[in-house]
Amino acid sequence: MIDLVPFQQHLVGGALLALVAVAAYFDIRWRRIPNWLTFSGIVVGLALHASLAGWAGLRLSAGGFLLGFAAYLLFYCIRAMGAGDVKLMGAVGAIAGPAGWFPVFLATALAAGLIAIVVSLANGRLRKTLWNVGFLLFELMHLRPPYYRRPELDVTSPLAIRTPHGVAIAAGVAVCVLLSWR
């Protein structure tokens, strides 16, 4: 892991906040995260770390990208996540690095859970959503895609309640960046 001086930490945190703020706006407004934004985030992450720490920084950034992208690709494969979210988390990983990505992942999971509860309550479907979570875990434990038997568990289905995951990612990043700046 590469140690960054406070100025460099603020530079990395600022890049992360800028990326996720724009992504959250697009996700709320148009329900998609554009490729130009995610690819720009990946390039910025790679270039930023390469300029701060040379080859070691480039390797760190590439590792963060691979970690973020691979982890979210699993969610995409079971149709629980959109492709834009996968690419966004790859970009977040490229900027944050592997060690910075994991706390963001945990904070994002908590934010996504809270958003899901609020959206489920607003739609009067909290009980059904909680049942679906149990069903989803049961199916995954048996290595079956949950959306085969329950179409509302497929993020592409019109039956699914969709939440803007870019907002959850933005919240997770914001919490982690602000805590690191404290």
N, C-alpha and C. Protein backbone atom coordinates (compact mmCIF):
# COMPACT_ATOMS: atom_id res chain seq x y z
N MET A 1 0.83 -1.17 0.00
CA MET A 1 0.00 0.00 0.00
C MET A 1 0.89 1.24 0.00
N ILE A 2 0.43 2.26 -0.67
CA ILE A 2 1.20 3.49 -0.80
C ILE A 2 0.65 4.51 0.18
N ASP A 3 1.57 5.13 0.94
CA ASP A 3 1.15 6.17 1.87
C ASP A 3 1.04 7.49 1.11
N LEU A 4 -0.07 8.18 1.31
CA LEU A 4 -0.29 9.47 0.67
C LEU A 4 -0.23 10.57 1.70
N VAL A 5 0.39 11.68 1.34
CA VAL A 5 0.40 12.84 2.23
C VAL A 5 -1.00 13.45 2.20
N PRO A 6 -1.35 14.29 3.19
CA PRO A 6 -2.71 14.86 3.25
C PRO A 6 -3.17 15.53 1.95
N PHE A 7 -2.29 16.27 1.29
CA PHE A 7 -2.70 16.91 0.03
C PHE A 7 -3.13 15.87 -0.99
N GLN A 8 -2.35 14.79 -1.09
CA GLN A 8 -2.67 13.74 -2.05
C GLN A 8 -3.98 13.04 -1.67
N GLN A 9 -4.20 12.84 -0.36
CA GLN A 9 -5.45 12.24 0.09
C GLN A 9 -6.64 13.12 -0.31
N HIS A 10 -6.48 14.43 -0.19
CA HIS A 10 -7.56 15.34 -0.57
C HIS A 10 -7.78 15.33 -2.08
N LEU A 11 -6.71 15.18 -2.84
CA LEU A 11 -6.82 15.11 -4.29
C LEU A 11 -7.59 13.85 -4.71
N VAL A 12 -7.22 12.72 -4.13
CA VAL A 12 -7.91 11.46 -4.42
C VAL A 12 -9.36 11.53 -3.96
N GLY A 13 -9.60 12.03 -2.76
CA GLY A 13 -10.97 12.16 -2.25
C GLY A 13 -11.81 13.11 -3.10
N GLY A 14 -11.21 14.20 -3.53
CA GLY A 14 -11.93 15.14 -4.39
C GLY A 14 -12.31 14.52 -5.73
N ALA A 15 -11.38 13.74 -6.30
CA ALA A 15 -11.68 13.06 -7.57
C ALA A 15 -12.83 12.06 -7.38
N LEU A 16 -12.79 11.34 -6.28
CA LEU A 16 -13.88 10.38 -5.99
C LEU A 16 -15.22 11.09 -5.84
N LEU A 17 -15.23 12.16 -5.05
CA LEU A 17 -16.49 12.89 -4.81
C LEU A 17 -17.04 13.48 -6.10
N ALA A 18 -16.16 14.03 -6.95
CA ALA A 18 -16.62 14.59 -8.22
C ALA A 18 -17.24 13.50 -9.10
N LEU A 19 -16.57 12.36 -9.18
CA LEU A 19 -17.07 11.25 -10.00
C LEU A 19 -18.45 10.78 -9.55
N VAL A 20 -18.59 10.52 -8.26
CA VAL A 20 -19.85 9.94 -7.78
C VAL A 20 -20.98 10.96 -7.73
N ALA A 21 -20.65 12.23 -7.56
CA ALA A 21 -21.71 13.26 -7.57
C ALA A 21 -22.35 13.34 -8.95
N VAL A 22 -21.53 13.32 -9.99
CA VAL A 22 -22.06 13.36 -11.35
C VAL A 22 -22.82 12.06 -11.65
N ALA A 23 -22.28 10.93 -11.22
CA ALA A 23 -22.94 9.64 -11.45
C ALA A 23 -24.30 9.59 -10.75
N ALA A 24 -24.37 10.09 -9.53
CA ALA A 24 -25.65 10.09 -8.80
C ALA A 24 -26.67 10.97 -9.52
N TYR A 25 -26.22 12.12 -10.00
CA TYR A 25 -27.13 13.01 -10.75
C TYR A 25 -27.71 12.29 -11.97
N PHE A 26 -26.84 11.67 -12.76
CA PHE A 26 -27.31 10.95 -13.95
C PHE A 26 -28.23 9.79 -13.57
N ASP A 27 -27.91 9.09 -12.50
CA ASP A 27 -28.72 7.94 -12.09
C ASP A 27 -30.10 8.37 -11.62
N ILE A 28 -30.17 9.49 -10.92
CA ILE A 28 -31.48 10.00 -10.49
C ILE A 28 -32.26 10.53 -11.68
N ARG A 29 -31.60 11.32 -12.50
CA ARG A 29 -32.28 12.03 -13.60
C ARG A 29 -32.68 11.11 -14.75
N TRP A 30 -31.75 10.23 -15.18
CA TRP A 30 -32.00 9.41 -16.36
C TRP A 30 -31.95 7.92 -16.09
N ARG A 31 -31.71 7.51 -14.86
CA ARG A 31 -31.66 6.09 -14.48
C ARG A 31 -30.58 5.33 -15.24
N ARG A 32 -29.49 6.01 -15.54
CA ARG A 32 -28.34 5.36 -16.16
C ARG A 32 -27.08 6.14 -15.80
N ILE A 33 -25.95 5.47 -15.86
CA ILE A 33 -24.66 6.09 -15.61
C ILE A 33 -23.87 5.98 -16.91
N PRO A 34 -23.54 7.11 -17.51
CA PRO A 34 -22.94 7.07 -18.86
C PRO A 34 -21.52 6.50 -18.88
N ASN A 35 -21.22 5.84 -19.99
CA ASN A 35 -19.89 5.24 -20.18
C ASN A 35 -18.79 6.30 -20.15
N TRP A 36 -19.04 7.47 -20.75
CA TRP A 36 -17.99 8.49 -20.78
C TRP A 36 -17.57 8.87 -19.35
N LEU A 37 -18.51 8.83 -18.43
CA LEU A 37 -18.19 9.18 -17.05
C LEU A 37 -17.38 8.09 -16.37
N THR A 38 -17.82 6.85 -16.52
CA THR A 38 -17.11 5.75 -15.84
C THR A 38 -15.72 5.54 -16.44
N PHE A 39 -15.61 5.61 -17.76
CA PHE A 39 -14.30 5.43 -18.38
C PHE A 39 -13.37 6.58 -18.03
N SER A 40 -13.90 7.78 -17.93
CA SER A 40 -13.09 8.93 -17.49
C SER A 40 -12.60 8.71 -16.07
N GLY A 41 -13.46 8.18 -15.21
CA GLY A 41 -13.06 7.89 -13.83
C GLY A 41 -11.94 6.87 -13.76
N ILE A 42 -12.00 5.87 -14.61
CA ILE A 42 -10.95 4.85 -14.64
C ILE A 42 -9.63 5.47 -15.08
N VAL A 43 -9.68 6.26 -16.14
CA VAL A 43 -8.46 6.91 -16.66
C VAL A 43 -7.89 7.88 -15.62
N VAL A 44 -8.76 8.66 -14.98
CA VAL A 44 -8.30 9.60 -13.94
C VAL A 44 -7.64 8.83 -12.80
N GLY A 45 -8.25 7.74 -12.37
CA GLY A 45 -7.67 6.95 -11.29
C GLY A 45 -6.30 6.40 -11.64
N LEU A 46 -6.18 5.82 -12.82
CA LEU A 46 -4.90 5.27 -13.26
C LEU A 46 -3.84 6.37 -13.38
N ALA A 47 -4.22 7.49 -14.02
CA ALA A 47 -3.27 8.59 -14.22
C ALA A 47 -2.89 9.25 -12.90
N LEU A 48 -3.85 9.44 -12.04
CA LEU A 48 -3.59 10.09 -10.75
C LEU A 48 -2.60 9.29 -9.92
N HIS A 49 -2.85 7.99 -9.80
CA HIS A 49 -1.96 7.17 -8.99
C HIS A 49 -0.60 6.97 -9.65
N ALA A 50 -0.58 6.91 -10.98
CA ALA A 50 0.71 6.80 -11.67
C ALA A 50 1.53 8.07 -11.44
N SER A 51 0.88 9.22 -11.45
CA SER A 51 1.62 10.47 -11.24
C SER A 51 2.05 10.63 -9.78
N LEU A 52 1.29 10.09 -8.85
CA LEU A 52 1.64 10.21 -7.43
C LEU A 52 2.70 9.21 -7.00
N ALA A 53 2.69 8.00 -7.59
CA ALA A 53 3.59 6.95 -7.08
C ALA A 53 4.21 6.09 -8.17
N GLY A 54 4.19 6.53 -9.41
CA GLY A 54 4.82 5.79 -10.50
C GLY A 54 4.15 4.45 -10.76
N TRP A 55 4.99 3.46 -11.07
CA TRP A 55 4.47 2.13 -11.41
C TRP A 55 3.72 1.49 -10.25
N ALA A 56 4.19 1.71 -9.05
CA ALA A 56 3.50 1.15 -7.88
C ALA A 56 2.10 1.72 -7.76
N GLY A 57 1.97 3.01 -8.03
CA GLY A 57 0.65 3.64 -8.00
C GLY A 57 -0.26 3.13 -9.10
N LEU A 58 0.33 2.92 -10.28
CA LEU A 58 -0.46 2.39 -11.40
C LEU A 58 -0.96 0.98 -11.08
N ARG A 59 -0.09 0.14 -10.49
CA ARG A 59 -0.51 -1.22 -10.10
C ARG A 59 -1.60 -1.16 -9.03
N LEU A 60 -1.44 -0.26 -8.08
CA LEU A 60 -2.44 -0.10 -7.02
C LEU A 60 -3.80 0.29 -7.62
N SER A 61 -3.77 1.24 -8.52
CA SER A 61 -5.01 1.70 -9.15
C SER A 61 -5.65 0.59 -9.99
N ALA A 62 -4.83 -0.12 -10.75
CA ALA A 62 -5.36 -1.22 -11.57
C ALA A 62 -5.96 -2.32 -10.67
N GLY A 63 -5.31 -2.58 -9.55
CA GLY A 63 -5.85 -3.57 -8.61
C GLY A 63 -7.19 -3.13 -8.03
N GLY A 64 -7.30 -1.86 -7.71
CA GLY A 64 -8.57 -1.33 -7.21
C GLY A 64 -9.67 -1.42 -8.25
N PHE A 65 -9.32 -1.11 -9.51
CA PHE A 65 -10.29 -1.24 -10.60
C PHE A 65 -10.77 -2.67 -10.72
N LEU A 66 -9.82 -3.61 -10.76
CA LEU A 66 -10.19 -5.03 -10.93
C LEU A 66 -11.05 -5.52 -9.77
N LEU A 67 -10.72 -5.12 -8.56
CA LEU A 67 -11.50 -5.53 -7.39
C LEU A 67 -12.92 -4.99 -7.47
N GLY A 68 -13.06 -3.69 -7.70
CA GLY A 68 -14.40 -3.09 -7.78
C GLY A 68 -15.22 -3.65 -8.92
N PHE A 69 -14.60 -3.78 -10.08
CA PHE A 69 -15.31 -4.28 -11.26
C PHE A 69 -15.73 -5.73 -11.07
N ALA A 70 -14.81 -6.57 -10.60
CA ALA A 70 -15.10 -8.01 -10.45
C ALA A 70 -16.18 -8.25 -9.40
N ALA A 71 -16.11 -7.53 -8.28
CA ALA A 71 -17.11 -7.73 -7.23
C ALA A 71 -18.51 -7.38 -7.73
N TYR A 72 -18.63 -6.28 -8.44
CA TYR A 72 -19.94 -5.87 -8.93
C TYR A 72 -20.37 -6.65 -10.17
N LEU A 73 -19.41 -7.21 -10.89
CA LEU A 73 -19.75 -8.04 -12.04
C LEU A 73 -20.55 -9.27 -11.59
N LEU A 74 -20.23 -9.78 -10.41
CA LEU A 74 -21.00 -10.91 -9.87
C LEU A 74 -22.47 -10.52 -9.67
N PHE A 75 -22.71 -9.31 -9.16
CA PHE A 75 -24.09 -8.84 -8.99
C PHE A 75 -24.78 -8.67 -10.35
N TYR A 76 -24.03 -8.20 -11.33
CA TYR A 76 -24.58 -8.02 -12.68
C TYR A 76 -24.96 -9.38 -13.27
N CYS A 77 -24.14 -10.39 -13.04
CA CYS A 77 -24.40 -11.73 -13.59
C CYS A 77 -25.68 -12.36 -13.03
N ILE A 78 -26.05 -12.01 -11.81
CA ILE A 78 -27.31 -12.54 -11.26
C ILE A 78 -28.44 -11.52 -11.45
N ARG A 79 -28.20 -10.55 -12.28
CA ARG A 79 -29.17 -9.52 -12.66
C ARG A 79 -29.69 -8.71 -11.48
N ALA A 80 -28.79 -8.45 -10.53
CA ALA A 80 -29.14 -7.63 -9.37
C ALA A 80 -28.59 -6.22 -9.50
N MET A 81 -27.86 -5.94 -10.57
CA MET A 81 -27.18 -4.68 -10.73
C MET A 81 -27.10 -4.35 -12.21
N GLY A 82 -27.12 -3.07 -12.53
CA GLY A 82 -26.97 -2.64 -13.90
C GLY A 82 -25.49 -2.53 -14.29
N ALA A 83 -25.23 -2.49 -15.57
CA ALA A 83 -23.84 -2.43 -16.07
C ALA A 83 -23.18 -1.11 -15.68
N GLY A 84 -23.93 -0.02 -15.65
CA GLY A 84 -23.35 1.26 -15.27
C GLY A 84 -22.83 1.24 -13.85
N ASP A 85 -23.54 0.57 -12.96
CA ASP A 85 -23.10 0.44 -11.56
C ASP A 85 -21.79 -0.35 -11.47
N VAL A 86 -21.67 -1.37 -12.30
CA VAL A 86 -20.46 -2.20 -12.32
C VAL A 86 -19.27 -1.34 -12.74
N LYS A 87 -19.45 -0.60 -13.84
CA LYS A 87 -18.35 0.24 -14.33
C LYS A 87 -18.04 1.37 -13.36
N LEU A 88 -19.06 1.91 -12.71
CA LEU A 88 -18.82 2.98 -11.73
C LEU A 88 -17.99 2.46 -10.56
N MET A 89 -18.31 1.27 -10.05
CA MET A 89 -17.52 0.74 -8.94
C MET A 89 -16.11 0.38 -9.38
N GLY A 90 -15.93 0.02 -10.65
CA GLY A 90 -14.58 -0.17 -11.17
C GLY A 90 -13.81 1.14 -11.16
N ALA A 91 -14.47 2.22 -11.56
CA ALA A 91 -13.83 3.54 -11.55
C ALA A 91 -13.53 3.99 -10.12
N VAL A 92 -14.45 3.74 -9.21
CA VAL A 92 -14.22 4.08 -7.80
C VAL A 92 -13.01 3.29 -7.29
N GLY A 93 -12.91 2.03 -7.65
CA GLY A 93 -11.76 1.23 -7.25
C GLY A 93 -10.46 1.75 -7.84
N ALA A 94 -10.50 2.21 -9.09
CA ALA A 94 -9.30 2.76 -9.73
C ALA A 94 -8.81 4.00 -9.01
N ILE A 95 -9.72 4.80 -8.51
CA ILE A 95 -9.33 6.03 -7.81
C ILE A 95 -8.99 5.72 -6.35
N ALA A 96 -9.79 4.90 -5.69
CA ALA A 96 -9.59 4.63 -4.25
C ALA A 96 -8.50 3.61 -3.98
N GLY A 97 -8.22 2.73 -4.93
CA GLY A 97 -7.29 1.63 -4.69
C GLY A 97 -7.98 0.52 -3.91
N PRO A 98 -7.39 -0.67 -3.85
CA PRO A 98 -8.04 -1.80 -3.19
C PRO A 98 -8.34 -1.56 -1.71
N ALA A 99 -7.40 -0.97 -0.99
CA ALA A 99 -7.61 -0.74 0.45
C ALA A 99 -8.69 0.30 0.69
N GLY A 100 -8.80 1.28 -0.18
CA GLY A 100 -9.84 2.30 -0.04
C GLY A 100 -11.18 1.84 -0.56
N TRP A 101 -11.17 0.85 -1.47
CA TRP A 101 -12.43 0.41 -2.07
C TRP A 101 -13.28 -0.38 -1.08
N PHE A 102 -12.67 -1.22 -0.28
CA PHE A 102 -13.46 -2.09 0.59
C PHE A 102 -14.34 -1.32 1.58
N PRO A 103 -13.83 -0.29 2.27
CA PRO A 103 -14.72 0.49 3.14
C PRO A 103 -15.85 1.17 2.36
N VAL A 104 -15.54 1.61 1.14
CA VAL A 104 -16.57 2.20 0.29
C VAL A 104 -17.64 1.16 -0.03
N PHE A 105 -17.22 -0.06 -0.32
CA PHE A 105 -18.16 -1.15 -0.60
C PHE A 105 -19.10 -1.39 0.58
N LEU A 106 -18.53 -1.43 1.80
CA LEU A 106 -19.36 -1.65 2.99
C LEU A 106 -20.32 -0.49 3.23
N ALA A 107 -19.83 0.74 3.11
CA ALA A 107 -20.69 1.91 3.31
C ALA A 107 -21.77 1.97 2.23
N THR A 108 -21.43 1.59 1.01
CA THR A 108 -22.41 1.56 -0.09
C THR A 108 -23.48 0.52 0.18
N ALA A 109 -23.09 -0.64 0.69
CA ALA A 109 -24.07 -1.69 1.00
C ALA A 109 -25.06 -1.21 2.05
N LEU A 110 -24.57 -0.51 3.07
CA LEU A 110 -25.47 0.04 4.10
C LEU A 110 -26.40 1.10 3.50
N ALA A 111 -25.85 1.99 2.70
CA ALA A 111 -26.67 3.03 2.07
C ALA A 111 -27.71 2.41 1.14
N ALA A 112 -27.31 1.40 0.37
CA ALA A 112 -28.25 0.74 -0.54
C ALA A 112 -29.37 0.06 0.23
N GLY A 113 -29.04 -0.55 1.36
CA GLY A 113 -30.07 -1.18 2.19
C GLY A 113 -31.07 -0.16 2.72
N LEU A 114 -30.56 0.97 3.18
CA LEU A 114 -31.47 2.03 3.67
C LEU A 114 -32.35 2.57 2.55
N ILE A 115 -31.76 2.79 1.38
CA ILE A 115 -32.54 3.28 0.24
C ILE A 115 -33.61 2.26 -0.15
N ALA A 116 -33.25 0.98 -0.15
CA ALA A 116 -34.20 -0.07 -0.50
C ALA A 116 -35.37 -0.11 0.48
N ILE A 117 -35.08 0.06 1.77
CA ILE A 117 -36.15 0.07 2.77
C ILE A 117 -37.08 1.25 2.54
N VAL A 118 -36.51 2.42 2.30
CA VAL A 118 -37.34 3.62 2.06
C VAL A 118 -38.21 3.44 0.82
N VAL A 119 -37.61 2.96 -0.27
CA VAL A 119 -38.37 2.77 -1.52
C VAL A 119 -39.44 1.70 -1.33
N SER A 120 -39.12 0.62 -0.63
CA SER A 120 -40.10 -0.44 -0.38
C SER A 120 -41.26 0.07 0.47
N LEU A 121 -40.95 0.85 1.49
CA LEU A 121 -42.01 1.44 2.32
C LEU A 121 -42.89 2.38 1.50
N ALA A 122 -42.26 3.19 0.66
CA ALA A 122 -43.01 4.14 -0.17
C ALA A 122 -43.93 3.42 -1.15
N ASN A 123 -43.53 2.22 -1.59
CA ASN A 123 -44.35 1.45 -2.53
C ASN A 123 -45.26 0.45 -1.81
N GLY A 124 -45.25 0.43 -0.48
CA GLY A 124 -46.08 -0.50 0.27
C GLY A 124 -45.67 -1.95 0.09
N ARG A 125 -44.37 -2.19 -0.14
CA ARG A 125 -43.91 -3.55 -0.43
C ARG A 125 -42.78 -4.01 0.48
N LEU A 126 -42.73 -3.49 1.69
CA LEU A 126 -41.62 -3.86 2.58
C LEU A 126 -41.64 -5.35 2.90
N ARG A 127 -42.80 -5.87 3.26
CA ARG A 127 -42.89 -7.30 3.61
C ARG A 127 -42.46 -8.17 2.43
N LYS A 128 -42.96 -7.86 1.24
CA LYS A 128 -42.60 -8.64 0.05
C LYS A 128 -41.11 -8.51 -0.26
N THR A 129 -40.55 -7.33 -0.06
CA THR A 129 -39.12 -7.11 -0.30
C THR A 129 -38.29 -7.94 0.67
N LEU A 130 -38.66 -7.95 1.93
CA LEU A 130 -37.92 -8.75 2.91
C LEU A 130 -38.02 -10.24 2.59
N TRP A 131 -39.19 -10.69 2.15
CA TRP A 131 -39.35 -12.09 1.74
C TRP A 131 -38.46 -12.38 0.54
N ASN A 132 -38.41 -11.44 -0.41
CA ASN A 132 -37.57 -11.63 -1.59
C ASN A 132 -36.09 -11.71 -1.23
N VAL A 133 -35.65 -10.96 -0.24
CA VAL A 133 -34.26 -11.03 0.21
C VAL A 133 -33.96 -12.44 0.73
N GLY A 134 -34.85 -12.98 1.53
CA GLY A 134 -34.68 -14.35 2.02
C GLY A 134 -34.65 -15.36 0.88
N PHE A 135 -35.57 -15.20 -0.07
CA PHE A 135 -35.62 -16.09 -1.23
C PHE A 135 -34.32 -15.99 -2.03
N LEU A 136 -33.84 -14.77 -2.23
CA LEU A 136 -32.62 -14.53 -2.98
C LEU A 136 -31.44 -15.24 -2.32
N LEU A 137 -31.31 -15.10 -1.02
CA LEU A 137 -30.21 -15.77 -0.29
C LEU A 137 -30.32 -17.28 -0.38
N PHE A 138 -31.55 -17.81 -0.26
CA PHE A 138 -31.77 -19.26 -0.36
C PHE A 138 -31.35 -19.77 -1.74
N GLU A 139 -31.77 -19.07 -2.78
CA GLU A 139 -31.43 -19.49 -4.15
C GLU A 139 -29.93 -19.41 -4.40
N LEU A 140 -29.29 -18.35 -3.91
CA LEU A 140 -27.85 -18.21 -4.10
C LEU A 140 -27.08 -19.29 -3.35
N MET A 141 -27.57 -19.67 -2.15
CA MET A 141 -26.91 -20.75 -1.41
C MET A 141 -26.98 -22.07 -2.18
N HIS A 142 -28.01 -22.21 -3.00
CA HIS A 142 -28.15 -23.42 -3.81
C HIS A 142 -27.62 -23.22 -5.23
N LEU A 143 -26.86 -22.13 -5.43
CA LEU A 143 -26.21 -21.83 -6.70
C LEU A 143 -27.20 -21.74 -7.87
N ARG A 144 -28.36 -21.15 -7.59
CA ARG A 144 -29.36 -20.92 -8.64
C ARG A 144 -29.59 -19.42 -8.80
N PRO A 145 -29.72 -18.95 -10.03
CA PRO A 145 -30.02 -17.53 -10.22
C PRO A 145 -31.43 -17.22 -9.70
N PRO A 146 -31.58 -16.30 -8.77
CA PRO A 146 -32.89 -16.02 -8.17
C PRO A 146 -33.95 -15.54 -9.16
N TYR A 147 -33.53 -14.87 -10.22
CA TYR A 147 -34.49 -14.31 -11.16
C TYR A 147 -35.18 -15.37 -12.02
N TYR A 148 -34.69 -16.61 -12.04
CA TYR A 148 -35.35 -17.67 -12.81
C TYR A 148 -36.77 -17.92 -12.30
N ARG A 149 -36.91 -18.00 -10.98
CA ARG A 149 -38.21 -18.35 -10.40
C ARG A 149 -39.01 -17.12 -9.96
N ARG A 150 -38.35 -15.97 -9.80
CA ARG A 150 -39.03 -14.75 -9.36
C ARG A 150 -38.58 -13.59 -10.24
N PRO A 151 -39.35 -13.28 -11.27
CA PRO A 151 -38.94 -12.24 -12.23
C PRO A 151 -38.73 -10.86 -11.60
N GLU A 152 -39.37 -10.59 -10.45
CA GLU A 152 -39.18 -9.28 -9.83
C GLU A 152 -37.77 -9.13 -9.23
N LEU A 153 -37.00 -10.21 -9.21
CA LEU A 153 -35.62 -10.14 -8.73
C LEU A 153 -34.63 -9.88 -9.86
N ASP A 154 -35.14 -9.67 -11.06
CA ASP A 154 -34.32 -9.33 -12.23
C ASP A 154 -34.41 -7.81 -12.42
N VAL A 155 -33.29 -7.13 -12.28
CA VAL A 155 -33.28 -5.66 -12.34
C VAL A 155 -33.80 -5.15 -13.69
N THR A 156 -33.79 -5.98 -14.73
CA THR A 156 -34.29 -5.56 -16.04
C THR A 156 -35.79 -5.79 -16.21
N SER A 157 -36.42 -6.43 -15.25
CA SER A 157 -37.85 -6.75 -15.33
C SER A 157 -38.70 -5.53 -14.95
N PRO A 158 -39.81 -5.33 -15.65
CA PRO A 158 -40.71 -4.25 -15.26
C PRO A 158 -41.38 -4.51 -13.90
N LEU A 159 -41.34 -5.74 -13.41
CA LEU A 159 -41.91 -6.07 -12.11
C LEU A 159 -41.01 -5.68 -10.94
N ALA A 160 -39.74 -5.41 -11.24
CA ALA A 160 -38.76 -5.12 -10.19
C ALA A 160 -38.93 -3.69 -9.69
N ILE A 161 -38.70 -3.52 -8.38
CA ILE A 161 -38.58 -2.18 -7.82
C ILE A 161 -37.11 -1.82 -7.93
N ARG A 162 -36.83 -0.80 -8.71
CA ARG A 162 -35.44 -0.41 -8.95
C ARG A 162 -35.08 0.80 -8.10
N THR A 163 -33.88 0.78 -7.57
CA THR A 163 -33.38 1.92 -6.81
C THR A 163 -32.15 2.46 -7.53
N PRO A 164 -31.90 3.76 -7.43
CA PRO A 164 -30.71 4.33 -8.08
C PRO A 164 -29.45 3.98 -7.30
N HIS A 165 -28.79 2.91 -7.69
CA HIS A 165 -27.63 2.45 -6.93
C HIS A 165 -26.46 3.44 -7.01
N GLY A 166 -26.43 4.26 -8.04
CA GLY A 166 -25.41 5.30 -8.12
C GLY A 166 -25.48 6.24 -6.93
N VAL A 167 -26.68 6.47 -6.42
CA VAL A 167 -26.85 7.32 -5.23
C VAL A 167 -26.26 6.62 -4.00
N ALA A 168 -26.47 5.32 -3.89
CA ALA A 168 -25.90 4.56 -2.77
C ALA A 168 -24.37 4.57 -2.84
N ILE A 169 -23.84 4.43 -4.05
CA ILE A 169 -22.38 4.48 -4.21
C ILE A 169 -21.87 5.86 -3.81
N ALA A 170 -22.57 6.90 -4.24
CA ALA A 170 -22.17 8.27 -3.89
C ALA A 170 -22.20 8.48 -2.37
N ALA A 171 -23.22 7.95 -1.72
CA ALA A 171 -23.31 8.09 -0.26
C ALA A 171 -22.18 7.33 0.43
N GLY A 172 -21.89 6.12 -0.04
CA GLY A 172 -20.80 5.34 0.54
C GLY A 172 -19.45 6.03 0.37
N VAL A 173 -19.21 6.57 -0.82
CA VAL A 173 -17.96 7.30 -1.07
C VAL A 173 -17.89 8.53 -0.19
N ALA A 174 -18.99 9.29 -0.12
CA ALA A 174 -18.99 10.54 0.66
C ALA A 174 -18.67 10.26 2.13
N VAL A 175 -19.28 9.24 2.70
CA VAL A 175 -19.02 8.90 4.10
C VAL A 175 -17.55 8.54 4.29
N CYS A 176 -17.02 7.70 3.43
CA CYS A 176 -15.62 7.26 3.56
C CYS A 176 -14.63 8.40 3.36
N VAL A 177 -14.88 9.24 2.37
CA VAL A 177 -13.98 10.37 2.11
C VAL A 177 -14.01 11.34 3.27
N LEU A 178 -15.19 11.68 3.72
CA LEU A 178 -15.30 12.65 4.82
C LEU A 178 -14.67 12.11 6.11
N LEU A 179 -14.83 10.82 6.37
CA LEU A 179 -14.18 10.23 7.54
C LEU A 179 -12.66 10.21 7.40
N SER A 180 -12.17 9.99 6.19
CA SER A 180 -10.71 9.97 5.99
C SER A 180 -10.12 11.37 6.11
N TRP A 181 -10.90 12.39 5.82
CA TRP A 181 -10.41 13.77 5.90
C TRP A 181 -10.44 14.30 7.33
N ARG A 182 -11.18 13.61 8.21
CA ARG A 182 -11.30 14.06 9.61
C ARG A 182 -10.00 13.99 10.34
